[in-house]
């Protein structure tokens, strides 16, 4: 899920206070977003106009917390439909470790109370494709496939 300019919905979030520099915090957030937690890559703002890139943005005073950093990822799924999301989520279970796949992502978002306008249809499309009663069973079915 990514922040959008039009549409979208408010979601629950957690703000972590860190005892570090803003640059180091940006580097940590960047590494989390690219799946290199514990690595040493440093954040460099991507070129203007680059769509499929992680941007670390700053809000100067979010609800009294002072400078707050967040990751902004460009929308990169076209067409953005529940069917397309379901196809990508199922395919992701073959490419990445379970837990980092699209079905686990949807399940974690749902558990955290994060719902978008496509969430219900996206979930239903996954369940229909896999003949599963819920997302946990969908993952189990995919784990058992070679």
N, C-alpha and C. Protein backbone atom coordinates (compact mmCIF):
# COMPACT_ATOMS: atom_id res chain seq x y z
N UNK A 1 0.85 -1.16 0.00
CA UNK A 1 0.00 0.00 0.00
C UNK A 1 0.89 1.22 0.00
N UNK A 2 0.50 2.18 -0.79
CA UNK A 2 1.32 3.37 -0.93
C UNK A 2 0.45 4.61 -0.76
N UNK A 3 1.04 5.70 -0.26
CA UNK A 3 0.29 6.95 -0.19
C UNK A 3 -0.10 7.39 -1.61
N UNK A 4 -1.30 7.94 -1.74
CA UNK A 4 -1.77 8.40 -3.04
C UNK A 4 -2.24 9.84 -2.93
N UNK A 5 -2.22 10.53 -4.06
CA UNK A 5 -2.66 11.92 -4.09
C UNK A 5 -4.18 12.02 -4.14
N UNK A 6 -4.83 11.05 -4.83
CA UNK A 6 -6.28 11.07 -5.00
C UNK A 6 -6.83 9.74 -4.52
N UNK A 7 -7.93 9.79 -3.76
CA UNK A 7 -8.53 8.56 -3.25
C UNK A 7 -7.78 8.10 -2.02
N UNK A 8 -7.74 6.81 -1.82
CA UNK A 8 -7.03 6.27 -0.66
C UNK A 8 -7.86 6.39 0.61
N UNK A 9 -7.23 6.07 1.70
CA UNK A 9 -7.92 6.10 2.99
C UNK A 9 -6.90 6.31 4.10
N UNK A 10 -7.36 6.81 5.22
CA UNK A 10 -6.49 6.93 6.37
C UNK A 10 -6.22 5.54 6.93
N UNK A 11 -5.02 5.34 7.45
CA UNK A 11 -4.67 4.06 8.04
C UNK A 11 -4.00 4.29 9.39
N UNK A 12 -4.02 3.26 10.21
CA UNK A 12 -3.33 3.33 11.48
C UNK A 12 -1.83 3.29 11.22
N UNK A 13 -1.08 3.95 12.08
CA UNK A 13 0.37 3.95 11.92
C UNK A 13 1.02 4.05 13.29
N UNK A 14 2.27 3.72 13.33
CA UNK A 14 3.07 3.85 14.55
C UNK A 14 4.23 4.78 14.23
N UNK A 15 4.49 5.71 15.11
CA UNK A 15 5.64 6.59 14.97
C UNK A 15 6.69 6.13 15.97
N UNK A 16 7.86 5.81 15.46
CA UNK A 16 8.97 5.39 16.32
C UNK A 16 9.87 6.59 16.58
N UNK A 17 10.19 6.82 17.85
CA UNK A 17 11.16 7.85 18.20
C UNK A 17 12.53 7.20 18.24
N UNK A 18 13.47 7.77 17.52
CA UNK A 18 14.81 7.21 17.46
C UNK A 18 15.82 8.20 18.02
N UNK A 19 16.79 7.68 18.70
CA UNK A 19 17.88 8.50 19.23
C UNK A 19 19.04 8.42 18.24
N UNK A 20 18.86 9.10 17.11
CA UNK A 20 19.86 9.07 16.05
C UNK A 20 19.69 10.31 15.19
N UNK A 21 20.56 10.48 14.23
CA UNK A 21 20.44 11.62 13.32
C UNK A 21 19.34 11.36 12.31
N UNK A 22 18.84 12.42 11.72
CA UNK A 22 17.81 12.27 10.70
C UNK A 22 18.35 11.47 9.50
N UNK A 23 19.60 11.69 9.15
CA UNK A 23 20.21 10.95 8.04
C UNK A 23 20.28 9.46 8.32
N UNK A 24 20.69 9.10 9.54
CA UNK A 24 20.76 7.68 9.89
C UNK A 24 19.36 7.06 9.95
N UNK A 25 18.38 7.83 10.42
CA UNK A 25 17.01 7.33 10.45
C UNK A 25 16.51 7.10 9.02
N UNK A 26 16.83 8.00 8.10
CA UNK A 26 16.43 7.84 6.70
C UNK A 26 17.08 6.59 6.12
N UNK A 27 18.35 6.36 6.44
CA UNK A 27 19.04 5.16 5.95
C UNK A 27 18.37 3.89 6.47
N UNK A 28 18.01 3.88 7.77
CA UNK A 28 17.37 2.69 8.35
C UNK A 28 16.01 2.43 7.71
N UNK A 29 15.22 3.48 7.52
CA UNK A 29 13.90 3.35 6.91
C UNK A 29 14.04 2.86 5.47
N UNK A 30 15.00 3.40 4.75
CA UNK A 30 15.25 2.98 3.37
C UNK A 30 15.61 1.50 3.31
N UNK A 31 16.51 1.06 4.17
CA UNK A 31 16.92 -0.35 4.17
C UNK A 31 15.75 -1.26 4.53
N UNK A 32 14.88 -0.81 5.42
CA UNK A 32 13.70 -1.62 5.73
C UNK A 32 12.82 -1.77 4.50
N UNK A 33 12.63 -0.69 3.77
CA UNK A 33 11.77 -0.72 2.59
C UNK A 33 12.33 -1.55 1.45
N UNK A 34 13.65 -1.64 1.34
CA UNK A 34 14.25 -2.42 0.24
C UNK A 34 14.64 -3.82 0.68
N UNK A 35 14.31 -4.19 1.93
CA UNK A 35 14.57 -5.55 2.41
C UNK A 35 16.02 -5.81 2.75
N UNK A 36 16.74 -4.78 3.20
CA UNK A 36 18.14 -4.95 3.58
C UNK A 36 18.39 -4.48 5.01
N UNK A 37 17.48 -4.84 5.92
CA UNK A 37 17.65 -4.48 7.33
C UNK A 37 18.97 -5.06 7.81
N UNK A 38 19.75 -4.24 8.50
CA UNK A 38 21.05 -4.69 9.00
C UNK A 38 22.18 -4.45 8.01
N UNK A 39 21.84 -4.02 6.80
CA UNK A 39 22.86 -3.75 5.79
C UNK A 39 23.49 -2.38 6.02
N UNK A 40 24.24 -1.93 5.03
CA UNK A 40 24.91 -0.64 5.18
C UNK A 40 24.60 0.34 4.05
N UNK A 41 23.62 0.01 3.20
CA UNK A 41 23.26 0.94 2.12
C UNK A 41 22.71 2.22 2.71
N UNK A 42 23.03 3.30 2.03
CA UNK A 42 22.59 4.61 2.47
C UNK A 42 21.55 5.14 1.49
N UNK A 43 20.61 5.90 2.02
CA UNK A 43 19.55 6.45 1.20
C UNK A 43 20.09 7.58 0.33
N UNK A 44 19.78 7.51 -0.94
CA UNK A 44 20.04 8.59 -1.89
C UNK A 44 18.72 8.88 -2.60
N UNK A 45 18.26 10.12 -2.56
CA UNK A 45 16.99 10.42 -3.22
C UNK A 45 17.05 10.01 -4.70
N UNK A 46 16.01 9.35 -5.18
CA UNK A 46 16.00 8.93 -6.59
C UNK A 46 15.81 10.12 -7.52
N UNK A 47 16.15 9.91 -8.77
CA UNK A 47 16.00 10.96 -9.78
C UNK A 47 14.53 11.36 -9.90
N UNK A 48 14.32 12.62 -10.18
CA UNK A 48 12.96 13.13 -10.36
C UNK A 48 12.28 12.35 -11.48
N UNK A 49 11.03 12.02 -11.28
CA UNK A 49 10.26 11.33 -12.29
C UNK A 49 10.41 9.81 -12.28
N UNK A 50 11.32 9.28 -11.48
CA UNK A 50 11.48 7.83 -11.42
C UNK A 50 10.31 7.24 -10.64
N UNK A 51 9.53 6.37 -11.27
CA UNK A 51 8.29 5.87 -10.67
C UNK A 51 8.53 4.77 -9.65
N UNK A 52 9.31 3.78 -9.98
CA UNK A 52 9.46 2.60 -9.13
C UNK A 52 10.67 2.78 -8.21
N UNK A 53 10.52 3.70 -7.26
CA UNK A 53 11.64 4.03 -6.38
C UNK A 53 11.13 4.36 -4.98
N UNK A 54 11.96 4.12 -4.00
CA UNK A 54 11.64 4.47 -2.61
C UNK A 54 12.11 5.90 -2.36
N UNK A 55 11.20 6.72 -1.89
CA UNK A 55 11.55 8.08 -1.48
C UNK A 55 11.29 8.20 0.01
N UNK A 56 12.20 8.81 0.70
CA UNK A 56 12.01 9.08 2.12
C UNK A 56 11.66 10.56 2.23
N UNK A 57 10.46 10.83 2.71
CA UNK A 57 9.98 12.19 2.85
C UNK A 57 9.88 12.56 4.32
N UNK A 58 9.72 13.84 4.55
CA UNK A 58 9.70 14.38 5.93
C UNK A 58 8.48 15.26 6.11
N UNK A 59 7.85 15.08 7.26
CA UNK A 59 6.81 16.00 7.71
C UNK A 59 7.41 16.72 8.91
N UNK A 60 7.38 18.05 8.89
CA UNK A 60 8.07 18.81 9.93
C UNK A 60 7.50 18.64 11.32
N UNK A 61 6.18 18.58 11.45
CA UNK A 61 5.61 18.43 12.79
C UNK A 61 4.32 17.65 12.69
N UNK A 62 4.42 16.34 12.82
CA UNK A 62 3.25 15.48 12.73
C UNK A 62 2.71 15.23 14.13
N UNK A 63 1.57 15.81 14.43
CA UNK A 63 0.90 15.62 15.71
C UNK A 63 1.82 15.87 16.90
N UNK A 64 2.66 16.89 16.78
CA UNK A 64 3.53 17.25 17.89
C UNK A 64 4.78 16.40 18.05
N UNK A 65 5.08 15.56 17.08
CA UNK A 65 6.24 14.68 17.18
C UNK A 65 7.51 15.27 16.59
N UNK A 66 7.48 16.46 16.08
CA UNK A 66 8.67 17.02 15.46
C UNK A 66 8.89 16.39 14.09
N UNK A 67 10.12 16.46 13.58
CA UNK A 67 10.38 15.89 12.25
C UNK A 67 10.03 14.41 12.21
N UNK A 68 9.24 14.02 11.23
CA UNK A 68 8.80 12.63 11.08
C UNK A 68 9.09 12.18 9.65
N UNK A 69 9.80 11.07 9.53
CA UNK A 69 10.14 10.53 8.22
C UNK A 69 9.17 9.42 7.84
N UNK A 70 8.90 9.30 6.56
CA UNK A 70 8.07 8.20 6.08
C UNK A 70 8.53 7.81 4.68
N UNK A 71 8.26 6.58 4.33
CA UNK A 71 8.62 6.09 3.00
C UNK A 71 7.46 6.35 2.05
N UNK A 72 7.80 6.85 0.89
CA UNK A 72 6.80 7.09 -0.15
C UNK A 72 7.24 6.29 -1.37
N UNK A 73 6.39 5.40 -1.80
CA UNK A 73 6.69 4.57 -2.96
C UNK A 73 5.73 4.93 -4.07
N UNK A 74 6.24 5.07 -5.24
CA UNK A 74 5.38 5.39 -6.36
C UNK A 74 4.46 4.23 -6.71
N UNK A 75 3.25 4.55 -7.11
CA UNK A 75 2.33 3.51 -7.57
C UNK A 75 2.93 2.88 -8.82
N UNK A 76 3.06 1.56 -8.82
CA UNK A 76 3.71 0.89 -9.95
C UNK A 76 2.92 -0.32 -10.45
N UNK A 77 1.66 -0.40 -10.11
CA UNK A 77 0.82 -1.50 -10.58
C UNK A 77 -0.24 -0.91 -11.50
N UNK A 78 -0.21 -1.37 -12.75
CA UNK A 78 -1.13 -0.84 -13.73
C UNK A 78 -1.59 -1.98 -14.64
N UNK A 79 -2.85 -2.28 -14.71
CA UNK A 79 -3.95 -1.58 -14.05
C UNK A 79 -4.06 -1.98 -12.58
N UNK A 80 -4.49 -1.06 -11.77
CA UNK A 80 -4.65 -1.31 -10.33
C UNK A 80 -6.07 -1.82 -10.09
N UNK A 81 -6.20 -3.13 -10.14
CA UNK A 81 -7.49 -3.78 -9.92
C UNK A 81 -7.30 -4.91 -8.91
N UNK A 82 -8.38 -5.35 -8.32
CA UNK A 82 -8.29 -6.45 -7.36
C UNK A 82 -7.80 -7.72 -8.04
N UNK A 83 -8.20 -7.97 -9.28
CA UNK A 83 -7.74 -9.16 -9.99
C UNK A 83 -6.24 -9.10 -10.25
N UNK A 84 -5.75 -7.94 -10.66
CA UNK A 84 -4.30 -7.79 -10.90
C UNK A 84 -3.52 -7.98 -9.60
N UNK A 85 -4.01 -7.39 -8.51
CA UNK A 85 -3.35 -7.55 -7.21
C UNK A 85 -3.32 -9.01 -6.78
N UNK A 86 -4.42 -9.72 -6.98
CA UNK A 86 -4.48 -11.14 -6.61
C UNK A 86 -3.47 -11.94 -7.42
N UNK A 87 -3.40 -11.70 -8.72
CA UNK A 87 -2.43 -12.41 -9.56
C UNK A 87 -1.00 -12.15 -9.08
N UNK A 88 -0.68 -10.91 -8.80
CA UNK A 88 0.66 -10.56 -8.34
C UNK A 88 0.97 -11.17 -6.97
N UNK A 89 -0.02 -11.17 -6.08
CA UNK A 89 0.19 -11.74 -4.74
C UNK A 89 0.48 -13.23 -4.82
N UNK A 90 -0.29 -13.93 -5.62
CA UNK A 90 -0.09 -15.38 -5.76
C UNK A 90 1.27 -15.65 -6.39
N UNK A 91 1.61 -14.93 -7.45
CA UNK A 91 2.91 -15.08 -8.11
C UNK A 91 4.05 -14.80 -7.14
N UNK A 92 3.87 -13.81 -6.26
CA UNK A 92 4.96 -13.43 -5.35
C UNK A 92 5.34 -14.57 -4.41
N UNK A 93 4.41 -15.48 -4.13
CA UNK A 93 4.74 -16.59 -3.23
C UNK A 93 5.74 -17.54 -3.86
N UNK A 94 5.90 -17.46 -5.17
CA UNK A 94 6.87 -18.31 -5.87
C UNK A 94 8.24 -17.63 -5.98
N UNK A 95 8.28 -16.30 -5.79
CA UNK A 95 9.51 -15.54 -5.98
C UNK A 95 10.20 -15.12 -4.70
N UNK A 96 9.44 -14.93 -3.63
CA UNK A 96 10.03 -14.43 -2.39
C UNK A 96 9.67 -15.38 -1.25
N UNK A 97 10.36 -15.23 -0.14
CA UNK A 97 10.06 -16.11 0.99
C UNK A 97 8.67 -15.78 1.53
N UNK A 98 8.00 -16.83 2.00
CA UNK A 98 6.68 -16.60 2.60
C UNK A 98 6.86 -15.68 3.80
N UNK A 99 5.95 -14.79 3.92
CA UNK A 99 6.05 -13.74 4.93
C UNK A 99 6.37 -12.41 4.26
N UNK A 100 7.09 -12.47 3.14
CA UNK A 100 7.42 -11.28 2.37
C UNK A 100 6.56 -11.20 1.10
N UNK A 101 5.67 -12.15 0.92
CA UNK A 101 4.82 -12.24 -0.27
C UNK A 101 3.59 -11.34 -0.14
N UNK A 102 2.88 -11.19 -1.24
CA UNK A 102 1.71 -10.32 -1.28
C UNK A 102 0.53 -10.80 -0.46
N UNK A 103 0.37 -12.10 -0.32
CA UNK A 103 -0.74 -12.61 0.49
C UNK A 103 -0.47 -12.34 1.96
N UNK A 104 0.75 -12.59 2.41
CA UNK A 104 1.11 -12.28 3.80
C UNK A 104 0.98 -10.78 4.06
N UNK A 105 1.36 -9.98 3.08
CA UNK A 105 1.26 -8.52 3.21
C UNK A 105 -0.19 -8.11 3.43
N UNK A 106 -1.09 -8.67 2.61
CA UNK A 106 -2.51 -8.37 2.77
C UNK A 106 -3.03 -8.85 4.12
N UNK A 107 -2.63 -10.04 4.53
CA UNK A 107 -3.05 -10.59 5.81
C UNK A 107 -2.57 -9.71 6.96
N UNK A 108 -1.33 -9.27 6.91
CA UNK A 108 -0.78 -8.41 7.96
C UNK A 108 -1.48 -7.06 7.99
N UNK A 109 -1.75 -6.50 6.81
CA UNK A 109 -2.47 -5.22 6.75
C UNK A 109 -3.86 -5.37 7.36
N UNK A 110 -4.53 -6.45 7.00
CA UNK A 110 -5.88 -6.70 7.52
C UNK A 110 -5.85 -6.85 9.05
N UNK A 111 -4.88 -7.60 9.56
CA UNK A 111 -4.74 -7.79 11.00
C UNK A 111 -4.49 -6.47 11.72
N UNK A 112 -3.77 -5.56 11.05
CA UNK A 112 -3.47 -4.25 11.64
C UNK A 112 -4.61 -3.26 11.47
N UNK A 113 -5.70 -3.69 10.83
CA UNK A 113 -6.84 -2.81 10.64
C UNK A 113 -6.69 -1.87 9.47
N UNK A 114 -5.76 -2.16 8.56
CA UNK A 114 -5.55 -1.32 7.39
C UNK A 114 -6.42 -1.87 6.26
N UNK A 115 -7.33 -1.04 5.80
CA UNK A 115 -8.28 -1.44 4.76
C UNK A 115 -8.28 -0.36 3.68
N UNK A 116 -8.22 -0.80 2.44
CA UNK A 116 -8.34 0.13 1.32
C UNK A 116 -9.60 -0.20 0.55
N UNK A 117 -9.90 0.61 -0.45
CA UNK A 117 -11.10 0.36 -1.25
C UNK A 117 -11.00 -0.95 -2.03
N UNK A 118 -9.79 -1.48 -2.25
CA UNK A 118 -9.63 -2.73 -2.98
C UNK A 118 -9.43 -3.95 -2.08
N UNK A 119 -9.24 -3.76 -0.79
CA UNK A 119 -8.87 -4.87 0.10
C UNK A 119 -9.83 -6.06 0.03
N UNK A 120 -11.11 -5.82 0.17
CA UNK A 120 -12.07 -6.92 0.22
C UNK A 120 -12.11 -7.67 -1.11
N UNK A 121 -12.14 -6.95 -2.22
CA UNK A 121 -12.20 -7.60 -3.54
C UNK A 121 -10.88 -8.31 -3.84
N UNK A 122 -9.77 -7.74 -3.42
CA UNK A 122 -8.45 -8.34 -3.59
C UNK A 122 -8.38 -9.66 -2.82
N UNK A 123 -8.83 -9.65 -1.58
CA UNK A 123 -8.85 -10.87 -0.78
C UNK A 123 -9.76 -11.92 -1.42
N UNK A 124 -10.96 -11.51 -1.83
CA UNK A 124 -11.91 -12.45 -2.44
C UNK A 124 -11.32 -13.06 -3.70
N UNK A 125 -10.62 -12.29 -4.51
CA UNK A 125 -10.02 -12.80 -5.75
C UNK A 125 -8.95 -13.86 -5.43
N UNK A 126 -8.16 -13.64 -4.39
CA UNK A 126 -7.16 -14.63 -3.98
C UNK A 126 -7.85 -15.92 -3.55
N UNK A 127 -8.85 -15.78 -2.68
CA UNK A 127 -9.55 -16.95 -2.15
C UNK A 127 -10.25 -17.73 -3.27
N UNK A 128 -10.85 -17.03 -4.21
CA UNK A 128 -11.52 -17.71 -5.33
C UNK A 128 -10.52 -18.46 -6.19
N UNK A 129 -9.39 -17.85 -6.49
CA UNK A 129 -8.39 -18.49 -7.34
C UNK A 129 -7.82 -19.75 -6.69
N UNK A 130 -7.66 -19.70 -5.35
CA UNK A 130 -7.03 -20.82 -4.65
C UNK A 130 -8.03 -21.77 -4.00
N UNK A 131 -9.32 -21.45 -4.08
CA UNK A 131 -10.33 -22.30 -3.47
C UNK A 131 -10.13 -22.43 -1.96
N UNK A 132 -9.79 -21.32 -1.33
CA UNK A 132 -9.48 -21.32 0.11
C UNK A 132 -10.54 -20.52 0.87
N UNK A 133 -10.81 -20.92 2.11
CA UNK A 133 -11.81 -20.19 2.91
C UNK A 133 -11.28 -18.88 3.51
N UNK A 134 -9.95 -18.77 3.66
CA UNK A 134 -9.36 -17.56 4.23
C UNK A 134 -7.91 -17.45 3.78
N UNK A 135 -7.27 -16.34 4.09
CA UNK A 135 -5.91 -16.10 3.63
C UNK A 135 -4.90 -17.07 4.23
N UNK A 136 -5.10 -17.47 5.48
CA UNK A 136 -4.18 -18.44 6.10
C UNK A 136 -4.18 -19.75 5.32
N UNK A 137 -5.39 -20.23 4.96
CA UNK A 137 -5.50 -21.46 4.18
C UNK A 137 -4.93 -21.28 2.77
N UNK A 138 -5.09 -20.09 2.22
CA UNK A 138 -4.52 -19.82 0.90
C UNK A 138 -3.00 -19.97 0.95
N UNK A 139 -2.38 -19.43 1.98
CA UNK A 139 -0.92 -19.58 2.13
C UNK A 139 -0.53 -21.03 2.33
N UNK A 140 -1.29 -21.75 3.13
CA UNK A 140 -1.00 -23.17 3.35
C UNK A 140 -1.06 -23.95 2.04
N UNK A 141 -2.04 -23.64 1.21
CA UNK A 141 -2.16 -24.33 -0.09
C UNK A 141 -0.96 -24.05 -0.97
N UNK A 142 -0.52 -22.81 -0.97
CA UNK A 142 0.62 -22.46 -1.80
C UNK A 142 1.92 -23.06 -1.27
N UNK A 143 2.06 -23.16 0.06
CA UNK A 143 3.25 -23.77 0.67
C UNK A 143 3.37 -25.24 0.28
N UNK A 144 2.22 -25.90 0.12
CA UNK A 144 2.25 -27.34 -0.17
C UNK A 144 2.47 -27.64 -1.65
N UNK A 145 2.41 -26.61 -2.49
CA UNK A 145 2.67 -26.82 -3.92
C UNK A 145 4.16 -26.84 -4.19
N UNK A 146 4.61 -27.67 -5.15
CA UNK A 146 6.04 -27.70 -5.47
C UNK A 146 6.50 -26.43 -6.15
